[in-house]
Amino acid sequence: MRDFRVSAIIISAVLCLALFWVGTSLYEAHGTEEPLRELLADHPAVRESEVRRGGLWEVRVTLHPTDDLRATYTDLAGAIKEVVPDDRYHLEIENSSTEFLQNWWDELSLYVYEGASNANFAQMRDRLTAAVSGEDLSMAVQVDEERIYLRLKSGDYDLYRVVDRTDHRERSEPIE
């Protein structure tokens, strides 16, 4: 009789875990993934999207051309937050770039990451503007509390980069 109880408990525990796993998978598939895919497919700024589940929801979008990357990114992030909590996804912007634009990003990224680190955005903008001056290239840079948004344009091609700010001087404790 005692062996029966132990076996029943083990079988019940395994069945409960299996049901929990199936329920969680179904909820993520139908309660999160499908609504997220539909939301991105219906969003006017999104040309293509890809959603993958890992530790976080990985959301990659290819945008239609936009002159205001900050507003587009903020709008997309807000829409995604309706389906996925803020700390449970990572949004990545992709676009059809060229080798020319990618080479320029490689050159300019130093200034952008330096600006993200030390919060000297006026100097970052001036350096970026000076670097592209006289080139067959237009550039727009925007900053908000959390990110730096860079758009490079050459002909019909755009390159978008969104860089998280790393300046924490205002929130850190003073050095004694």
C-alpha atoms as a PDB file:
ATOM      1  CA  MET A   1       0.000   0.000   0.000  1.00  0.00           C
ATOM      2  CA  ARG A   2       2.829   2.408   0.840  1.00  0.00           C
ATOM      3  CA  ASP A   3       4.524   1.828  -2.560  1.00  0.00           C
ATOM      4  CA  PHE A   4       1.253   2.704  -4.238  1.00  0.00           C
ATOM      5  CA  ARG A   5       1.120   6.116  -2.514  1.00  0.00           C
ATOM      6  CA  VAL A   6       4.693   6.985  -3.484  1.00  0.00           C
ATOM      7  CA  SER A   7       4.067   5.931  -7.083  1.00  0.00           C
ATOM      8  CA  ALA A   8       0.809   7.912  -7.194  1.00  0.00           C
ATOM      9  CA  ILE A   9       2.541  10.998  -5.823  1.00  0.00           C
ATOM     10  CA  ILE A  10       5.366  10.756  -8.359  1.00  0.00           C
ATOM     11  CA  ILE A  11       2.969  10.190 -11.258  1.00  0.00           C
ATOM     12  CA  SER A  12       0.779  13.104 -10.094  1.00  0.00           C
ATOM     13  CA  ALA A  13       3.779  15.409  -9.830  1.00  0.00           C
ATOM     14  CA  VAL A  14       4.989  14.494 -13.334  1.00  0.00           C
ATOM     15  CA  LEU A  15       1.492  14.993 -14.779  1.00  0.00           C
ATOM     16  CA  CYS A  16       1.141  18.376 -13.043  1.00  0.00           C
ATOM     17  CA  LEU A  17       4.509  19.534 -14.396  1.00  0.00           C
ATOM     18  CA  ALA A  18       3.576  18.349 -17.895  1.00  0.00           C
ATOM     19  CA  LEU A  19       0.221  20.165 -17.738  1.00  0.00           C
ATOM     20  CA  PHE A  20       1.912  23.318 -16.468  1.00  0.00           C
ATOM     21  CA  TRP A  21       4.468  23.193 -19.309  1.00  0.00           C
ATOM     22  CA  VAL A  22       1.766  22.598 -21.950  1.00  0.00           C
ATOM     23  CA  GLY A  23      -0.366  25.406 -20.522  1.00  0.00           C
ATOM     24  CA  THR A  24       2.547  27.836 -20.452  1.00  0.00           C
ATOM     25  CA  SER A  25       3.522  26.947 -24.025  1.00  0.00           C
ATOM     26  CA  LEU A  26      -0.038  27.398 -25.268  1.00  0.00           C
ATOM     27  CA  TYR A  27      -0.370  30.720 -23.448  1.00  0.00           C
ATOM     28  CA  GLU A  28       2.881  32.020 -24.936  1.00  0.00           C
ATOM     29  CA  ALA A  29       1.939  30.827 -28.424  1.00  0.00           C
ATOM     30  CA  HIS A  30      -1.651  32.080 -28.432  1.00  0.00           C
ATOM     31  CA  GLY A  31      -1.594  34.752 -25.761  1.00  0.00           C
ATOM     32  CA  THR A  32       1.674  36.468 -26.643  1.00  0.00           C
ATOM     33  CA  GLU A  33       3.339  35.328 -29.860  1.00  0.00           C
ATOM     34  CA  GLU A  34       0.322  35.470 -32.189  1.00  0.00           C
ATOM     35  CA  PRO A  35      -0.920  38.864 -30.920  1.00  0.00           C
ATOM     36  CA  LEU A  36       2.634  40.222 -31.145  1.00  0.00           C
ATOM     37  CA  ARG A  37       3.030  38.993 -34.741  1.00  0.00           C
ATOM     38  CA  GLU A  38      -0.353  40.469 -35.671  1.00  0.00           C
ATOM     39  CA  LEU A  39       0.459  43.780 -34.001  1.00  0.00           C
ATOM     40  CA  LEU A  40       3.751  44.063 -35.915  1.00  0.00           C
ATOM     41  CA  ALA A  41       2.159  42.995 -39.216  1.00  0.00           C
ATOM     42  CA  ASP A  42      -0.480  45.732 -38.820  1.00  0.00           C
ATOM     43  CA  HIS A  43       1.929  48.475 -37.708  1.00  0.00           C
ATOM     44  CA  PRO A  44       2.338  51.088 -40.489  1.00  0.00           C
ATOM     45  CA  ALA A  45       6.087  51.615 -39.851  1.00  0.00           C
ATOM     46  CA  VAL A  46       6.977  47.912 -40.101  1.00  0.00           C
ATOM     47  CA  ARG A  47       7.926  46.371 -43.429  1.00  0.00           C
ATOM     48  CA  GLU A  48       8.881  42.948 -42.027  1.00  0.00           C
ATOM     49  CA  SER A  49       9.159  41.442 -38.572  1.00  0.00           C
ATOM     50  CA  GLU A  50      10.531  38.404 -36.832  1.00  0.00           C
ATOM     51  CA  VAL A  51       9.644  37.245 -33.332  1.00  0.00           C
ATOM     52  CA  ARG A  52      11.626  34.621 -31.428  1.00  0.00           C
ATOM     53  CA  ARG A  53      11.269  33.387 -27.889  1.00  0.00           C
ATOM     54  CA  GLY A  54      14.401  32.847 -25.836  1.00  0.00           C
ATOM     55  CA  GLY A  55      15.098  34.175 -22.365  1.00  0.00           C
ATOM     56  CA  LEU A  56      13.470  37.349 -23.713  1.00  0.00           C
ATOM     57  CA  TRP A  57      11.183  37.901 -26.658  1.00  0.00           C
ATOM     58  CA  GLU A  58      13.516  38.884 -29.496  1.00  0.00           C
ATOM     59  CA  VAL A  59      11.635  41.284 -31.783  1.00  0.00           C
ATOM     60  CA  ARG A  60      13.369  42.280 -35.021  1.00  0.00           C
ATOM     61  CA  VAL A  61      11.701  44.696 -37.372  1.00  0.00           C
ATOM     62  CA  THR A  62      12.593  46.102 -40.752  1.00  0.00           C
ATOM     63  CA  LEU A  63      11.165  49.579 -41.097  1.00  0.00           C
ATOM     64  CA  HIS A  64       9.732  51.506 -43.970  1.00  0.00           C
ATOM     65  CA  PRO A  65      11.754  54.717 -44.497  1.00  0.00           C
ATOM     66  CA  THR A  66      11.248  57.155 -41.648  1.00  0.00           C
ATOM     67  CA  ASP A  67      12.540  60.633 -40.966  1.00  0.00           C
ATOM     68  CA  ASP A  68      11.825  60.399 -37.233  1.00  0.00           C
ATOM     69  CA  LEU A  69      13.468  57.237 -35.929  1.00  0.00           C
ATOM     70  CA  ARG A  70      12.929  58.195 -32.282  1.00  0.00           C
ATOM     71  CA  ALA A  71       9.161  58.566 -32.701  1.00  0.00           C
ATOM     72  CA  THR A  72       8.946  55.377 -34.742  1.00  0.00           C
ATOM     73  CA  TYR A  73      10.962  53.369 -32.199  1.00  0.00           C
ATOM     74  CA  THR A  74       9.004  54.810 -29.253  1.00  0.00           C
ATOM     75  CA  ASP A  75       5.696  54.037 -30.957  1.00  0.00           C
ATOM     76  CA  LEU A  76       6.787  50.463 -31.710  1.00  0.00           C
ATOM     77  CA  ALA A  77       8.061  49.907 -28.167  1.00  0.00           C
ATOM     78  CA  GLY A  78       4.782  51.226 -26.767  1.00  0.00           C
ATOM     79  CA  ALA A  79       2.770  48.912 -29.007  1.00  0.00           C
ATOM     80  CA  ILE A  80       4.896  45.897 -28.042  1.00  0.00           C
ATOM     81  CA  LYS A  81       4.434  46.726 -24.329  1.00  0.00           C
ATOM     82  CA  GLU A  82       0.687  46.176 -24.824  1.00  0.00           C
ATOM     83  CA  VAL A  83       1.463  42.479 -25.387  1.00  0.00           C
ATOM     84  CA  VAL A  84       4.815  41.827 -23.663  1.00  0.00           C
ATOM     85  CA  PRO A  85       5.996  43.391 -20.384  1.00  0.00           C
ATOM     86  CA  ASP A  86       8.770  45.988 -20.749  1.00  0.00           C
ATOM     87  CA  ASP A  87      11.516  43.853 -19.239  1.00  0.00           C
ATOM     88  CA  ARG A  88      10.599  40.729 -21.243  1.00  0.00           C
ATOM     89  CA  TYR A  89      11.527  41.788 -24.798  1.00  0.00           C
ATOM     90  CA  HIS A  90      14.371  43.229 -26.833  1.00  0.00           C
ATOM     91  CA  LEU A  91      13.531  45.338 -29.893  1.00  0.00           C
ATOM     92  CA  GLU A  92      16.060  45.474 -32.704  1.00  0.00           C
ATOM     93  CA  ILE A  93      15.726  47.649 -35.790  1.00  0.00           C
ATOM     94  CA  GLU A  94      17.030  46.319 -39.093  1.00  0.00           C
ATOM     95  CA  ASN A  95      16.889  47.791 -42.551  1.00  0.00           C
ATOM     96  CA  SER A  96      18.154  47.382 -46.068  1.00  0.00           C
ATOM     97  CA  SER A  97      21.476  49.141 -45.886  1.00  0.00           C
ATOM     98  CA  THR A  98      24.455  49.240 -48.217  1.00  0.00           C
ATOM     99  CA  GLU A  99      28.113  48.527 -47.706  1.00  0.00           C
ATOM    100  CA  PHE A 100      28.729  52.262 -48.122  1.00  0.00           C
ATOM    101  CA  LEU A 101      26.397  53.090 -45.213  1.00  0.00           C
ATOM    102  CA  GLN A 102      27.728  50.233 -43.100  1.00  0.00           C
ATOM    103  CA  ASN A 103      31.273  51.553 -43.592  1.00  0.00           C
ATOM    104  CA  TRP A 104      30.096  54.982 -42.462  1.00  0.00           C
ATOM    105  CA  TRP A 105      28.474  53.466 -39.384  1.00  0.00           C
ATOM    106  CA  ASP A 106      31.758  51.744 -38.597  1.00  0.00           C
ATOM    107  CA  GLU A 107      33.476  55.144 -38.733  1.00  0.00           C
ATOM    108  CA  LEU A 108      30.829  57.070 -36.798  1.00  0.00           C
ATOM    109  CA  SER A 109      29.994  54.483 -34.146  1.00  0.00           C
ATOM    110  CA  LEU A 110      32.920  55.604 -31.997  1.00  0.00           C
ATOM    111  CA  TYR A 111      31.345  59.048 -31.596  1.00  0.00           C
ATOM    112  CA  VAL A 112      27.904  57.579 -30.889  1.00  0.00           C
ATOM    113  CA  TYR A 113      29.106  55.144 -28.238  1.00  0.00           C
ATOM    114  CA  GLU A 114      31.273  57.817 -26.679  1.00  0.00           C
ATOM    115  CA  GLY A 115      28.226  60.096 -26.524  1.00  0.00           C
ATOM    116  CA  ALA A 116      26.173  57.255 -25.020  1.00  0.00           C
ATOM    117  CA  SER A 117      28.816  56.767 -22.364  1.00  0.00           C
ATOM    118  CA  ASN A 118      29.634  60.331 -21.319  1.00  0.00           C
ATOM    119  CA  ALA A 119      26.348  62.117 -22.196  1.00  0.00           C
ATOM    120  CA  ASN A 120      28.097  64.901 -24.134  1.00  0.00           C
ATOM    121  CA  PHE A 121      25.503  64.914 -26.903  1.00  0.00           C
ATOM    122  CA  ALA A 122      26.253  68.339 -28.371  1.00  0.00           C
ATOM    123  CA  GLN A 123      29.872  67.325 -28.944  1.00  0.00           C
ATOM    124  CA  MET A 124      28.719  63.982 -30.388  1.00  0.00           C
ATOM    125  CA  ARG A 125      26.380  65.751 -32.817  1.00  0.00           C
ATOM    126  CA  ASP A 126      29.076  68.220 -33.859  1.00  0.00           C
ATOM    127  CA  ARG A 127      31.568  65.415 -34.510  1.00  0.00           C
ATOM    128  CA  LEU A 128      29.025  63.418 -36.516  1.00  0.00           C
ATOM    129  CA  THR A 129      28.029  66.462 -38.555  1.00  0.00           C
ATOM    130  CA  ALA A 130      31.665  67.366 -39.269  1.00  0.00           C
ATOM    131  CA  ALA A 131      32.475  63.798 -40.312  1.00  0.00           C
ATOM    132  CA  VAL A 132      29.680  63.559 -42.910  1.00  0.00           C
ATOM    133  CA  SER A 133      30.012  67.150 -44.148  1.00  0.00           C
ATOM    134  CA  GLY A 134      30.585  67.261 -47.874  1.00  0.00           C
ATOM    135  CA  GLU A 135      29.830  63.557 -48.344  1.00  0.00           C
ATOM    136  CA  ASP A 136      27.042  61.984 -50.397  1.00  0.00           C
ATOM    137  CA  LEU A 137      25.299  61.237 -47.138  1.00  0.00           C
ATOM    138  CA  SER A 138      22.701  62.757 -44.845  1.00  0.00           C
ATOM    139  CA  MET A 139      22.562  62.156 -41.143  1.00  0.00           C
ATOM    140  CA  ALA A 140      20.045  62.701 -38.363  1.00  0.00           C
ATOM    141  CA  VAL A 141      20.751  62.080 -34.695  1.00  0.00           C
ATOM    142  CA  GLN A 142      18.195  62.200 -31.871  1.00  0.00           C
ATOM    143  CA  VAL A 143      18.525  61.579 -28.150  1.00  0.00           C
ATOM    144  CA  ASP A 144      16.072  60.829 -25.386  1.00  0.00           C
ATOM    145  CA  GLU A 145      16.372  59.707 -21.769  1.00  0.00           C
ATOM    146  CA  GLU A 146      17.224  56.120 -22.720  1.00  0.00           C
ATOM    147  CA  ARG A 147      18.684  55.975 -26.221  1.00  0.00           C
ATOM    148  CA  ILE A 148      20.504  57.604 -29.113  1.00  0.00           C
ATOM    149  CA  TYR A 149      18.890  57.271 -32.545  1.00  0.00           C
ATOM    150  CA  LEU A 150      21.020  57.619 -35.671  1.00  0.00           C
ATOM    151  CA  ARG A 151      19.800  57.647 -39.250  1.00  0.00           C
ATOM    152  CA  LEU A 152      22.197  57.678 -42.193  1.00  0.00           C
ATOM    153  CA  LYS A 153      20.775  58.093 -45.694  1.00  0.00           C
ATOM    154  CA  SER A 154      22.382  57.724 -49.075  1.00  0.00           C
ATOM    155  CA  GLY A 155      20.150  57.694 -52.121  1.00  0.00           C
ATOM    156  CA  ASP A 156      17.280  55.269 -51.572  1.00  0.00           C
ATOM    157  CA  TYR A 157      18.989  53.479 -48.691  1.00  0.00           C
ATOM    158  CA  ASP A 158      18.838  54.144 -44.976  1.00  0.00           C
ATOM    159  CA  LEU A 159      20.792  52.816 -42.040  1.00  0.00           C
ATOM    160  CA  TYR A 160      19.148  53.018 -38.624  1.00  0.00           C
ATOM    161  CA  ARG A 161      20.920  52.468 -35.331  1.00  0.00           C
ATOM    162  CA  VAL A 162      19.432  52.674 -31.851  1.00  0.00           C
ATOM    163  CA  VAL A 163      22.037  52.735 -29.077  1.00  0.00           C
ATOM    164  CA  ASP A 164      21.165  52.467 -25.391  1.00  0.00           C
ATOM    165  CA  ARG A 165      22.586  55.254 -23.256  1.00  0.00           C
ATOM    166  CA  THR A 166      24.964  54.165 -20.546  1.00  0.00           C
ATOM    167  CA  ASP A 167      25.309  57.449 -18.680  1.00  0.00           C
ATOM    168  CA  HIS A 168      24.446  56.798 -15.053  1.00  0.00           C
ATOM    169  CA  ARG A 169      26.201  59.725 -13.438  1.00  0.00           C
ATOM    170  CA  GLU A 170      22.948  61.345 -12.301  1.00  0.00           C
ATOM    171  CA  ARG A 171      21.775  58.159 -10.569  1.00  0.00           C
ATOM    172  CA  SER A 172      25.065  57.011  -9.078  1.00  0.00           C
ATOM    173  CA  GLU A 173      26.293  57.722  -5.596  1.00  0.00           C
ATOM    174  CA  PRO A 174      28.861  60.496  -5.151  1.00  0.00           C
ATOM    175  CA  ILE A 175      32.500  59.514  -4.845  1.00  0.00           C
ATOM    176  CA  GLU A 176      33.979  60.395  -1.470  1.00  0.00           C
END
